[in-house]
């Protein structure tokens, strides 16, 4: 069965062009499924049937798995079953009738426009002192590239070997890109310098499934980009920097985990609700629609393959309208 798992992983990454995160999740689910099947007495893959699959999902549910997790695991089972049947490893596509638990679509948490503006302005207002340290520390952890000093500030800044002004410029650009373009944090961290067309003010983004799209950005992001490229990036660049646009403290490509801490930290400095990079993406989409942008245009900007993924943001706007109505109308 191990060989089947490896071949399935190769199929997902090489043929289906799924992201490394998706491949890792599906393979983990498959290993769990096959382990459950073995415990039920299935010695070989062809012995896995619909009853085994349903028993596996039922066990996951009793162990407290969330609806979204259950839905993904059912999808992983169906994808594997279809592939294994085509490959001759299963006599039939046994998971085809397997139903997914309907997941509740939670409305995303978004910042108000004034809160988003306060977050964007936070780095400009901050000096190169403790506020920057607290932001990059995220309140509890380090910048991700270095250790931590005894007072909770990143050790590199305390030691003086990380240019604080350069990091401020980096953080400012990161925030402007995430909110100004609505890109995913992995997409922002994956940008190279050559992906930015400054003449047209667009960035070339490689999204999910290897789909490439061009996303425009505004004047504030252009100013942040100019400052970063002129003085910030040269101060952090190292032999291993390569073509990466956003750099970490050691000069390597900024990683998404560090980017999440940066965003959370600056939200604390700005005094706005705690927000993630994905929350900024939600905020960008919501504010675009509230400003009159076409739903199809927002879908294109976000890189959604289906319009249904974008329509959730119309629900956010309606919920805000309802809240304002309940608060302000005398007969609400």
C-alpha atoms as a PDB file:
ATOM      1  CA  UNK A   1       0.000   0.000   0.000  1.00  0.00           C
ATOM      2  CA  UNK A   2       2.946   2.301   0.620  1.00  0.00           C
ATOM      3  CA  UNK A   3       3.808   2.282  -3.074  1.00  0.00           C
ATOM      4  CA  UNK A   4       0.243   3.309  -3.894  1.00  0.00           C
ATOM      5  CA  UNK A   5       0.515   6.248  -1.487  1.00  0.00           C
ATOM      6  CA  UNK A   6       3.753   7.418  -3.115  1.00  0.00           C
ATOM      7  CA  UNK A   7       2.317   7.065  -6.625  1.00  0.00           C
ATOM      8  CA  UNK A   8      -0.802   8.979  -5.586  1.00  0.00           C
ATOM      9  CA  UNK A   9       1.348  11.808  -4.192  1.00  0.00           C
ATOM     10  CA  UNK A  10       3.257  11.956  -7.490  1.00  0.00           C
ATOM     11  CA  UNK A  11      -0.044  12.081  -9.366  1.00  0.00           C
ATOM     12  CA  UNK A  12      -1.333  14.969  -7.262  1.00  0.00           C
ATOM     13  CA  UNK A  13       1.791  17.070  -7.642  1.00  0.00           C
ATOM     14  CA  UNK A  14       2.892  16.110 -11.147  1.00  0.00           C
ATOM     15  CA  UNK A  15      -0.391  15.580 -13.014  1.00  0.00           C
ATOM     16  CA  UNK A  16      -3.019  17.460 -11.009  1.00  0.00           C
ATOM     17  CA  UNK A  17      -0.549  20.245 -10.186  1.00  0.00           C
ATOM     18  CA  UNK A  18      -1.847  20.516  -6.623  1.00  0.00           C
ATOM     19  CA  UNK A  19      -0.007  22.656  -4.099  1.00  0.00           C
ATOM     20  CA  UNK A  20       2.466  21.103  -1.684  1.00  0.00           C
ATOM     21  CA  UNK A  21       0.039  21.862   1.150  1.00  0.00           C
ATOM     22  CA  UNK A  22      -2.813  19.994  -0.584  1.00  0.00           C
ATOM     23  CA  UNK A  23      -0.582  17.031  -1.434  1.00  0.00           C
ATOM     24  CA  UNK A  24       0.591  16.809   2.172  1.00  0.00           C
ATOM     25  CA  UNK A  25      -2.992  16.975   3.506  1.00  0.00           C
ATOM     26  CA  UNK A  26      -4.358  14.374   1.072  1.00  0.00           C
ATOM     27  CA  UNK A  27      -1.474  11.982   1.691  1.00  0.00           C
ATOM     28  CA  UNK A  28      -1.943  12.318   5.461  1.00  0.00           C
ATOM     29  CA  UNK A  29      -5.638  11.557   5.036  1.00  0.00           C
ATOM     30  CA  UNK A  30      -4.880   8.563   2.829  1.00  0.00           C
ATOM     31  CA  UNK A  31      -2.404   7.114   5.310  1.00  0.00           C
ATOM     32  CA  UNK A  32      -5.046   7.466   8.041  1.00  0.00           C
ATOM     33  CA  UNK A  33      -7.614   5.736   5.823  1.00  0.00           C
ATOM     34  CA  UNK A  34      -5.337   2.830   4.931  1.00  0.00           C
ATOM     35  CA  UNK A  35      -4.333   2.407   8.569  1.00  0.00           C
ATOM     36  CA  UNK A  36      -8.026   2.214   9.497  1.00  0.00           C
ATOM     37  CA  UNK A  37      -8.625  -0.293   6.690  1.00  0.00           C
ATOM     38  CA  UNK A  38      -5.786  -2.486   7.953  1.00  0.00           C
ATOM     39  CA  UNK A  39      -7.270  -2.430  11.443  1.00  0.00           C
ATOM     40  CA  UNK A  40     -10.538  -3.622   9.923  1.00  0.00           C
ATOM     41  CA  UNK A  41      -8.763  -6.597   8.382  1.00  0.00           C
ATOM     42  CA  UNK A  42      -8.106  -5.323   4.857  1.00  0.00           C
ATOM     43  CA  UNK A  43      -4.819  -6.941   3.841  1.00  0.00           C
ATOM     44  CA  UNK A  44      -4.741  -5.503   0.309  1.00  0.00           C
ATOM     45  CA  UNK A  45      -5.996  -2.353  -1.353  1.00  0.00           C
ATOM     46  CA  UNK A  46      -8.770  -4.078  -3.393  1.00  0.00           C
ATOM     47  CA  UNK A  47     -10.425  -5.086  -0.120  1.00  0.00           C
ATOM     48  CA  UNK A  48     -11.152  -1.434   0.734  1.00  0.00           C
ATOM     49  CA  UNK A  49     -14.826  -0.774   0.012  1.00  0.00           C
ATOM     50  CA  UNK A  50     -17.472   1.859   0.690  1.00  0.00           C
ATOM     51  CA  UNK A  51     -18.253   0.412   4.120  1.00  0.00           C
ATOM     52  CA  UNK A  52     -14.618   0.816   5.158  1.00  0.00           C
ATOM     53  CA  UNK A  53     -14.604   4.416   3.930  1.00  0.00           C
ATOM     54  CA  UNK A  54     -17.785   5.271   5.821  1.00  0.00           C
ATOM     55  CA  UNK A  55     -16.457   3.579   8.943  1.00  0.00           C
ATOM     56  CA  UNK A  56     -13.279   5.662   8.684  1.00  0.00           C
ATOM     57  CA  UNK A  57     -15.211   8.933   8.373  1.00  0.00           C
ATOM     58  CA  UNK A  58     -17.502   7.952  11.234  1.00  0.00           C
ATOM     59  CA  UNK A  59     -14.503   7.347  13.437  1.00  0.00           C
ATOM     60  CA  UNK A  60     -13.054  10.739  12.506  1.00  0.00           C
ATOM     61  CA  UNK A  61     -16.334  12.358  13.466  1.00  0.00           C
ATOM     62  CA  UNK A  62     -16.463  10.641  16.868  1.00  0.00           C
ATOM     63  CA  UNK A  63     -12.915  11.866  17.486  1.00  0.00           C
ATOM     64  CA  UNK A  64     -14.125  15.459  17.086  1.00  0.00           C
ATOM     65  CA  UNK A  65     -12.973  16.308  13.553  1.00  0.00           C
ATOM     66  CA  UNK A  66     -14.481  19.554  12.280  1.00  0.00           C
ATOM     67  CA  UNK A  67     -16.911  19.606   9.375  1.00  0.00           C
ATOM     68  CA  UNK A  68     -14.347  21.254   7.112  1.00  0.00           C
ATOM     69  CA  UNK A  69     -11.803  18.559   7.981  1.00  0.00           C
ATOM     70  CA  UNK A  70     -14.367  15.826   7.350  1.00  0.00           C
ATOM     71  CA  UNK A  71     -15.239  17.361   3.996  1.00  0.00           C
ATOM     72  CA  UNK A  72     -11.581  17.465   2.964  1.00  0.00           C
ATOM     73  CA  UNK A  73     -11.008  13.855   4.040  1.00  0.00           C
ATOM     74  CA  UNK A  74     -13.994  12.687   2.039  1.00  0.00           C
ATOM     75  CA  UNK A  75     -12.649  14.599  -0.964  1.00  0.00           C
ATOM     76  CA  UNK A  76      -9.229  12.990  -0.488  1.00  0.00           C
ATOM     77  CA  UNK A  77     -10.850   9.529  -0.392  1.00  0.00           C
ATOM     78  CA  UNK A  78     -12.844  10.204  -3.563  1.00  0.00           C
ATOM     79  CA  UNK A  79      -9.816  11.558  -5.392  1.00  0.00           C
ATOM     80  CA  UNK A  80      -7.701   8.562  -4.402  1.00  0.00           C
ATOM     81  CA  UNK A  81     -10.434   6.063  -5.257  1.00  0.00           C
ATOM     82  CA  UNK A  82     -10.952   7.506  -8.738  1.00  0.00           C
ATOM     83  CA  UNK A  83      -7.201   7.525  -9.392  1.00  0.00           C
ATOM     84  CA  UNK A  84      -6.685   3.999  -8.019  1.00  0.00           C
ATOM     85  CA  UNK A  85      -9.516   2.653 -10.181  1.00  0.00           C
ATOM     86  CA  UNK A  86      -8.036   4.229 -13.326  1.00  0.00           C
ATOM     87  CA  UNK A  87      -4.630   2.837 -12.372  1.00  0.00           C
ATOM     88  CA  UNK A  88      -6.053  -0.670 -11.941  1.00  0.00           C
ATOM     89  CA  UNK A  89      -5.420  -0.778  -8.194  1.00  0.00           C
ATOM     90  CA  UNK A  90      -9.120  -0.923  -7.295  1.00  0.00           C
ATOM     91  CA  UNK A  91     -11.745  -3.005  -9.134  1.00  0.00           C
ATOM     92  CA  UNK A  92     -14.207  -0.096  -8.931  1.00  0.00           C
ATOM     93  CA  UNK A  93     -14.359   3.543  -7.906  1.00  0.00           C
ATOM     94  CA  UNK A  94     -15.633   2.619  -4.455  1.00  0.00           C
ATOM     95  CA  UNK A  95     -15.672   6.176  -3.081  1.00  0.00           C
ATOM     96  CA  UNK A  96     -17.797   7.684  -5.858  1.00  0.00           C
ATOM     97  CA  UNK A  97     -21.010   7.497  -3.751  1.00  0.00           C
ATOM     98  CA  UNK A  98     -19.252   8.832  -0.649  1.00  0.00           C
ATOM     99  CA  UNK A  99     -21.001  11.975   0.537  1.00  0.00           C
ATOM    100  CA  UNK A 100     -19.179  14.905   2.119  1.00  0.00           C
ATOM    101  CA  UNK A 101     -20.478  16.496   5.311  1.00  0.00           C
ATOM    102  CA  UNK A 102     -21.858  19.883   4.385  1.00  0.00           C
ATOM    103  CA  UNK A 103     -19.495  22.433   5.879  1.00  0.00           C
ATOM    104  CA  UNK A 104     -20.789  25.665   7.302  1.00  0.00           C
ATOM    105  CA  UNK A 105     -19.471  28.620   5.343  1.00  0.00           C
ATOM    106  CA  UNK A 106     -18.303  30.991   8.030  1.00  0.00           C
ATOM    107  CA  UNK A 107     -18.406  34.631   7.057  1.00  0.00           C
ATOM    108  CA  UNK A 108     -14.803  35.866   7.016  1.00  0.00           C
ATOM    109  CA  UNK A 109     -13.654  38.406   9.552  1.00  0.00           C
ATOM    110  CA  UNK A 110     -12.781  41.669   7.823  1.00  0.00           C
ATOM    111  CA  UNK A 111     -11.467  45.032   8.911  1.00  0.00           C
ATOM    112  CA  UNK A 112     -13.418  48.194   8.320  1.00  0.00           C
ATOM    113  CA  UNK A 113     -11.894  50.536   5.765  1.00  0.00           C
ATOM    114  CA  UNK A 114     -10.698  52.919   8.489  1.00  0.00           C
ATOM    115  CA  UNK A 115      -9.116  50.033  10.408  1.00  0.00           C
ATOM    116  CA  UNK A 116      -7.340  48.838   7.282  1.00  0.00           C
ATOM    117  CA  UNK A 117      -6.061  52.384   6.707  1.00  0.00           C
ATOM    118  CA  UNK A 118      -4.773  52.549  10.303  1.00  0.00           C
ATOM    119  CA  UNK A 119      -2.925  49.268   9.815  1.00  0.00           C
ATOM    120  CA  UNK A 120      -1.353  50.460   6.567  1.00  0.00           C
ATOM    121  CA  UNK A 121      -0.209  53.681   8.270  1.00  0.00           C
ATOM    122  CA  UNK A 122       1.212  51.950  11.356  1.00  0.00           C
ATOM    123  CA  UNK A 123       4.679  51.364   9.924  1.00  0.00           C
ATOM    124  CA  UNK A 124       4.937  54.955   8.705  1.00  0.00           C
ATOM    125  CA  UNK A 125       4.083  56.245  12.176  1.00  0.00           C
ATOM    126  CA  UNK A 126       6.368  53.871  13.983  1.00  0.00           C
ATOM    127  CA  UNK A 127      10.024  54.577  14.604  1.00  0.00           C
ATOM    128  CA  UNK A 128      12.796  52.035  14.517  1.00  0.00           C
ATOM    129  CA  UNK A 129      12.388  51.263  18.201  1.00  0.00           C
ATOM    130  CA  UNK A 130      10.213  49.120  20.392  1.00  0.00           C
ATOM    131  CA  UNK A 131       7.049  49.343  18.263  1.00  0.00           C
ATOM    132  CA  UNK A 132       8.827  47.655  15.368  1.00  0.00           C
ATOM    133  CA  UNK A 133      10.227  45.019  17.718  1.00  0.00           C
ATOM    134  CA  UNK A 134       6.789  44.297  19.151  1.00  0.00           C
ATOM    135  CA  UNK A 135       5.270  44.070  15.678  1.00  0.00           C
ATOM    136  CA  UNK A 136       7.818  41.656  14.287  1.00  0.00           C
ATOM    137  CA  UNK A 137       7.637  39.714  17.549  1.00  0.00           C
ATOM    138  CA  UNK A 138       3.888  39.301  17.145  1.00  0.00           C
ATOM    139  CA  UNK A 139       3.550  39.836  20.864  1.00  0.00           C
ATOM    140  CA  UNK A 140       4.953  36.422  21.799  1.00  0.00           C
ATOM    141  CA  UNK A 141       7.351  35.055  19.195  1.00  0.00           C
ATOM    142  CA  UNK A 142      10.300  36.050  17.064  1.00  0.00           C
ATOM    143  CA  UNK A 143      10.578  37.238  13.489  1.00  0.00           C
ATOM    144  CA  UNK A 144      11.040  33.621  12.531  1.00  0.00           C
ATOM    145  CA  UNK A 145      14.597  33.950  11.331  1.00  0.00           C
ATOM    146  CA  UNK A 146      16.350  34.736  14.610  1.00  0.00           C
ATOM    147  CA  UNK A 147      16.278  33.993  18.293  1.00  0.00           C
ATOM    148  CA  UNK A 148      14.624  36.120  20.950  1.00  0.00           C
ATOM    149  CA  UNK A 149      16.186  38.445  23.467  1.00  0.00           C
ATOM    150  CA  UNK A 150      15.274  38.290  27.135  1.00  0.00           C
ATOM    151  CA  UNK A 151      12.810  41.172  26.855  1.00  0.00           C
ATOM    152  CA  UNK A 152      10.875  39.505  24.005  1.00  0.00           C
ATOM    153  CA  UNK A 153      12.328  41.628  21.193  1.00  0.00           C
ATOM    154  CA  UNK A 154      14.012  39.895  18.240  1.00  0.00           C
ATOM    155  CA  UNK A 155      17.625  39.250  19.171  1.00  0.00           C
ATOM    156  CA  UNK A 156      18.945  40.549  15.858  1.00  0.00           C
ATOM    157  CA  UNK A 157      17.568  44.024  16.510  1.00  0.00           C
ATOM    158  CA  UNK A 158      18.881  44.083  20.057  1.00  0.00           C
ATOM    159  CA  UNK A 159      22.290  42.991  18.841  1.00  0.00           C
ATOM    160  CA  UNK A 160      22.245  45.603  16.125  1.00  0.00           C
ATOM    161  CA  UNK A 161      22.961  43.227  13.215  1.00  0.00           C
ATOM    162  CA  UNK A 162      19.533  43.591  11.596  1.00  0.00           C
ATOM    163  CA  UNK A 163      18.826  47.044  10.098  1.00  0.00           C
ATOM    164  CA  UNK A 164      15.563  48.108  11.765  1.00  0.00           C
ATOM    165  CA  UNK A 165      14.742  50.710   9.091  1.00  0.00           C
ATOM    166  CA  UNK A 166      15.037  48.057   6.393  1.00  0.00           C
ATOM    167  CA  UNK A 167      12.679  45.748   8.289  1.00  0.00           C
ATOM    168  CA  UNK A 168      10.165  48.568   8.705  1.00  0.00           C
ATOM    169  CA  UNK A 169      10.237  49.128   4.953  1.00  0.00           C
ATOM    170  CA  UNK A 170       9.824  45.401   4.353  1.00  0.00           C
ATOM    171  CA  UNK A 171       6.868  45.206   6.716  1.00  0.00           C
ATOM    172  CA  UNK A 172       5.259  48.251   5.118  1.00  0.00           C
ATOM    173  CA  UNK A 173       5.520  46.704   1.656  1.00  0.00           C
ATOM    174  CA  UNK A 174       4.179  43.367   2.880  1.00  0.00           C
ATOM    175  CA  UNK A 175       1.081  45.018   4.375  1.00  0.00           C
ATOM    176  CA  UNK A 176       0.496  47.142   1.287  1.00  0.00           C
ATOM    177  CA  UNK A 177       0.787  44.134  -1.006  1.00  0.00           C
ATOM    178  CA  UNK A 178      -1.511  41.912   1.040  1.00  0.00           C
ATOM    179  CA  UNK A 179      -4.252  44.506   1.359  1.00  0.00           C
ATOM    180  CA  UNK A 180      -3.620  46.477  -1.826  1.00  0.00           C
ATOM    181  CA  UNK A 181      -3.726  43.416  -4.103  1.00  0.00           C
ATOM    182  CA  UNK A 182      -5.596  40.785  -2.092  1.00  0.00           C
ATOM    183  CA  UNK A 183      -2.980  38.153  -2.866  1.00  0.00           C
ATOM    184  CA  UNK A 184      -2.511  35.098  -0.657  1.00  0.00           C
ATOM    185  CA  UNK A 185       0.385  35.228   1.804  1.00  0.00           C
ATOM    186  CA  UNK A 186       2.134  32.387  -0.029  1.00  0.00           C
ATOM    187  CA  UNK A 187       1.787  34.319  -3.285  1.00  0.00           C
ATOM    188  CA  UNK A 188       3.233  37.483  -1.740  1.00  0.00           C
ATOM    189  CA  UNK A 189       6.194  35.613  -0.266  1.00  0.00           C
ATOM    190  CA  UNK A 190       6.754  33.843  -3.584  1.00  0.00           C
ATOM    191  CA  UNK A 191       7.133  37.073  -5.557  1.00  0.00           C
ATOM    192  CA  UNK A 192      10.435  37.792  -7.272  1.00  0.00           C
ATOM    193  CA  UNK A 193      11.689  41.281  -8.098  1.00  0.00           C
ATOM    194  CA  UNK A 194      11.089  40.573 -11.788  1.00  0.00           C
ATOM    195  CA  UNK A 195       7.427  39.806 -11.103  1.00  0.00           C
ATOM    196  CA  UNK A 196       6.744  43.489 -10.450  1.00  0.00           C
ATOM    197  CA  UNK A 197       5.940  45.654 -13.478  1.00  0.00           C
ATOM    198  CA  UNK A 198       6.414  49.122 -12.048  1.00  0.00           C
ATOM    199  CA  UNK A 199       5.553  50.872 -15.295  1.00  0.00           C
ATOM    200  CA  UNK A 200       2.045  49.387 -15.324  1.00  0.00           C
ATOM    201  CA  UNK A 201       1.828  48.923 -11.532  1.00  0.00           C
ATOM    202  CA  UNK A 202       0.933  45.238 -11.683  1.00  0.00           C
ATOM    203  CA  UNK A 203       2.443  42.120 -10.113  1.00  0.00           C
ATOM    204  CA  UNK A 204       2.589  38.739 -11.807  1.00  0.00           C
ATOM    205  CA  UNK A 205       1.308  36.168  -9.325  1.00  0.00           C
ATOM    206  CA  UNK A 206       1.586  32.399  -9.506  1.00  0.00           C
ATOM    207  CA  UNK A 207      -1.486  31.093  -7.724  1.00  0.00           C
ATOM    208  CA  UNK A 208      -3.084  27.759  -6.915  1.00  0.00           C
ATOM    209  CA  UNK A 209      -2.784  25.077  -9.543  1.00  0.00           C
ATOM    210  CA  UNK A 210       0.041  26.957 -11.223  1.00  0.00           C
ATOM    211  CA  UNK A 211      -2.413  29.551 -12.566  1.00  0.00           C
ATOM    212  CA  UNK A 212      -0.744  32.865 -13.324  1.00  0.00           C
ATOM    213  CA  UNK A 213      -2.522  36.191 -13.099  1.00  0.00           C
ATOM    214  CA  UNK A 214      -1.657  39.884 -13.220  1.00  0.00           C
ATOM    215  CA  UNK A 215      -2.877  41.936 -10.246  1.00  0.00           C
ATOM    216  CA  UNK A 216      -2.771  45.749 -10.129  1.00  0.00           C
ATOM    217  CA  UNK A 217      -1.602  47.682  -7.081  1.00  0.00           C
ATOM    218  CA  UNK A 218      -2.029  51.300  -6.078  1.00  0.00           C
ATOM    219  CA  UNK A 219       0.108  54.360  -5.456  1.00  0.00           C
ATOM    220  CA  UNK A 220       0.703  53.665  -1.716  1.00  0.00           C
ATOM    221  CA  UNK A 221       2.046  50.207  -2.581  1.00  0.00           C
ATOM    222  CA  UNK A 222       4.239  51.742  -5.276  1.00  0.00           C
ATOM    223  CA  UNK A 223       5.735  54.159  -2.758  1.00  0.00           C
ATOM    224  CA  UNK A 224       6.381  51.301  -0.341  1.00  0.00           C
ATOM    225  CA  UNK A 225       7.947  49.289  -3.156  1.00  0.00           C
ATOM    226  CA  UNK A 226      10.217  52.157  -4.216  1.00  0.00           C
ATOM    227  CA  UNK A 227      11.462  52.677  -0.661  1.00  0.00           C
ATOM    228  CA  UNK A 228      12.036  48.952  -0.168  1.00  0.00           C
ATOM    229  CA  UNK A 229      13.940  48.479  -3.418  1.00  0.00           C
ATOM    230  CA  UNK A 230      15.996  51.671  -2.979  1.00  0.00           C
ATOM    231  CA  UNK A 231      17.142  51.282   0.616  1.00  0.00           C
ATOM    232  CA  UNK A 232      15.419  48.378   2.394  1.00  0.00           C
ATOM    233  CA  UNK A 233      16.194  45.329   0.295  1.00  0.00           C
ATOM    234  CA  UNK A 234      19.852  46.296  -0.321  1.00  0.00           C
ATOM    235  CA  UNK A 235      20.375  46.413   3.456  1.00  0.00           C
ATOM    236  CA  UNK A 236      19.060  42.866   3.954  1.00  0.00           C
ATOM    237  CA  UNK A 237      20.223  41.213   0.735  1.00  0.00           C
ATOM    238  CA  UNK A 238      22.602  38.270   1.161  1.00  0.00           C
ATOM    239  CA  UNK A 239      24.240  35.697  -1.117  1.00  0.00           C
ATOM    240  CA  UNK A 240      21.227  33.420  -0.691  1.00  0.00           C
ATOM    241  CA  UNK A 241      18.607  36.061  -1.451  1.00  0.00           C
ATOM    242  CA  UNK A 242      18.310  35.163  -5.103  1.00  0.00           C
ATOM    243  CA  UNK A 243      15.508  36.990  -6.892  1.00  0.00           C
ATOM    244  CA  UNK A 244      13.132  37.094  -3.906  1.00  0.00           C
ATOM    245  CA  UNK A 245      11.291  40.384  -3.493  1.00  0.00           C
ATOM    246  CA  UNK A 246      10.574  40.140   0.247  1.00  0.00           C
ATOM    247  CA  UNK A 247      13.457  39.073   2.469  1.00  0.00           C
ATOM    248  CA  UNK A 248      13.737  37.769   6.001  1.00  0.00           C
ATOM    249  CA  UNK A 249      16.262  38.867   8.603  1.00  0.00           C
ATOM    250  CA  UNK A 250      18.992  36.565   7.257  1.00  0.00           C
ATOM    251  CA  UNK A 251      18.471  37.611   3.670  1.00  0.00           C
ATOM    252  CA  UNK A 252      16.497  34.564   2.590  1.00  0.00           C
ATOM    253  CA  UNK A 253      13.029  34.656   1.084  1.00  0.00           C
ATOM    254  CA  UNK A 254      10.435  35.756   3.641  1.00  0.00           C
ATOM    255  CA  UNK A 255       8.380  32.748   4.694  1.00  0.00           C
ATOM    256  CA  UNK A 256       4.584  32.798   5.218  1.00  0.00           C
ATOM    257  CA  UNK A 257       4.821  31.923   8.915  1.00  0.00           C
ATOM    258  CA  UNK A 258       6.954  34.986   9.564  1.00  0.00           C
ATOM    259  CA  UNK A 259       4.633  37.092   7.407  1.00  0.00           C
ATOM    260  CA  UNK A 260       1.662  36.049   9.546  1.00  0.00           C
ATOM    261  CA  UNK A 261       3.476  37.142  12.703  1.00  0.00           C
ATOM    262  CA  UNK A 262       4.362  40.460  11.096  1.00  0.00           C
ATOM    263  CA  UNK A 263       0.721  41.169  10.213  1.00  0.00           C
ATOM    264  CA  UNK A 264      -0.556  40.161  13.653  1.00  0.00           C
ATOM    265  CA  UNK A 265       2.083  42.282  15.350  1.00  0.00           C
ATOM    266  CA  UNK A 266       1.378  45.417  13.359  1.00  0.00           C
ATOM    267  CA  UNK A 267      -2.343  44.966  13.991  1.00  0.00           C
ATOM    268  CA  UNK A 268      -1.530  45.186  17.695  1.00  0.00           C
ATOM    269  CA  UNK A 269       0.575  48.294  17.166  1.00  0.00           C
ATOM    270  CA  UNK A 270      -2.188  49.919  15.090  1.00  0.00           C
ATOM    271  CA  UNK A 271      -4.823  49.093  17.695  1.00  0.00           C
ATOM    272  CA  UNK A 272      -7.066  47.213  15.246  1.00  0.00           C
ATOM    273  CA  UNK A 273      -8.614  43.747  15.696  1.00  0.00           C
ATOM    274  CA  UNK A 274      -6.144  40.904  15.333  1.00  0.00           C
ATOM    275  CA  UNK A 275      -5.992  40.004  11.671  1.00  0.00           C
ATOM    276  CA  UNK A 276      -4.207  37.466   9.501  1.00  0.00           C
ATOM    277  CA  UNK A 277      -2.893  37.863   5.948  1.00  0.00           C
ATOM    278  CA  UNK A 278      -5.990  35.974   4.791  1.00  0.00           C
ATOM    279  CA  UNK A 279      -8.077  38.449   6.762  1.00  0.00           C
ATOM    280  CA  UNK A 280      -6.483  41.260   4.741  1.00  0.00           C
ATOM    281  CA  UNK A 281      -7.378  39.343   1.578  1.00  0.00           C
ATOM    282  CA  UNK A 282     -10.976  39.107   2.825  1.00  0.00           C
ATOM    283  CA  UNK A 283     -10.921  42.813   3.647  1.00  0.00           C
ATOM    284  CA  UNK A 284      -9.613  43.777   0.214  1.00  0.00           C
ATOM    285  CA  UNK A 285     -12.318  41.759  -1.548  1.00  0.00           C
ATOM    286  CA  UNK A 286     -15.087  43.120   0.658  1.00  0.00           C
ATOM    287  CA  UNK A 287     -13.990  46.727   0.246  1.00  0.00           C
ATOM    288  CA  UNK A 288     -13.744  46.299  -3.530  1.00  0.00           C
ATOM    289  CA  UNK A 289     -17.307  45.020  -3.727  1.00  0.00           C
ATOM    290  CA  UNK A 290     -18.588  47.685  -1.342  1.00  0.00           C
ATOM    291  CA  UNK A 291     -16.917  50.258  -3.581  1.00  0.00           C
ATOM    292  CA  UNK A 292     -18.828  49.004  -6.611  1.00  0.00           C
ATOM    293  CA  UNK A 293     -16.366  46.553  -8.204  1.00  0.00           C
ATOM    294  CA  UNK A 294     -17.817  43.853 -10.431  1.00  0.00           C
ATOM    295  CA  UNK A 295     -17.936  40.373  -8.896  1.00  0.00           C
ATOM    296  CA  UNK A 296     -16.202  38.834 -11.913  1.00  0.00           C
ATOM    297  CA  UNK A 297     -13.392  41.380 -11.665  1.00  0.00           C
ATOM    298  CA  UNK A 298     -12.890  40.559  -7.989  1.00  0.00           C
ATOM    299  CA  UNK A 299     -12.853  36.852  -8.862  1.00  0.00           C
ATOM    300  CA  UNK A 300     -10.086  37.530 -11.380  1.00  0.00           C
ATOM    301  CA  UNK A 301      -8.086  39.619  -8.922  1.00  0.00           C
ATOM    302  CA  UNK A 302      -8.290  36.982  -6.190  1.00  0.00           C
ATOM    303  CA  UNK A 303      -7.488  34.113  -8.527  1.00  0.00           C
ATOM    304  CA  UNK A 304     -10.604  32.109  -7.672  1.00  0.00           C
ATOM    305  CA  UNK A 305     -11.299  29.299 -10.126  1.00  0.00           C
ATOM    306  CA  UNK A 306     -15.021  29.420  -9.277  1.00  0.00           C
ATOM    307  CA  UNK A 307     -17.289  32.418  -8.877  1.00  0.00           C
ATOM    308  CA  UNK A 308     -18.912  30.645  -5.921  1.00  0.00           C
ATOM    309  CA  UNK A 309     -15.727  31.238  -3.909  1.00  0.00           C
ATOM    310  CA  UNK A 310     -16.020  34.972  -4.530  1.00  0.00           C
ATOM    311  CA  UNK A 311     -19.730  35.269  -3.796  1.00  0.00           C
ATOM    312  CA  UNK A 312     -19.158  34.841  -0.056  1.00  0.00           C
ATOM    313  CA  UNK A 313     -17.973  38.455   0.013  1.00  0.00           C
ATOM    314  CA  UNK A 314     -21.387  39.654  -1.126  1.00  0.00           C
ATOM    315  CA  UNK A 315     -22.746  37.972   2.015  1.00  0.00           C
ATOM    316  CA  UNK A 316     -20.302  39.976   4.125  1.00  0.00           C
ATOM    317  CA  UNK A 317     -21.585  43.229   2.635  1.00  0.00           C
ATOM    318  CA  UNK A 318     -25.208  42.213   3.229  1.00  0.00           C
ATOM    319  CA  UNK A 319     -24.431  41.306   6.840  1.00  0.00           C
ATOM    320  CA  UNK A 320     -22.847  44.721   7.365  1.00  0.00           C
ATOM    321  CA  UNK A 321     -25.904  46.364   5.860  1.00  0.00           C
ATOM    322  CA  UNK A 322     -28.165  44.387   8.203  1.00  0.00           C
ATOM    323  CA  UNK A 323     -26.037  45.345  11.200  1.00  0.00           C
ATOM    324  CA  UNK A 324     -26.190  49.027  10.267  1.00  0.00           C
ATOM    325  CA  UNK A 325     -29.943  48.758   9.754  1.00  0.00           C
ATOM    326  CA  UNK A 326     -30.505  47.104  13.127  1.00  0.00           C
ATOM    327  CA  UNK A 327     -28.389  49.729  14.848  1.00  0.00           C
ATOM    328  CA  UNK A 328     -29.780  52.820  13.135  1.00  0.00           C
ATOM    329  CA  UNK A 329     -33.361  52.209  11.999  1.00  0.00           C
ATOM    330  CA  UNK A 330     -36.009  53.057  14.614  1.00  0.00           C
ATOM    331  CA  UNK A 331     -38.214  50.150  13.510  1.00  0.00           C
ATOM    332  CA  UNK A 332     -35.480  47.552  13.164  1.00  0.00           C
END
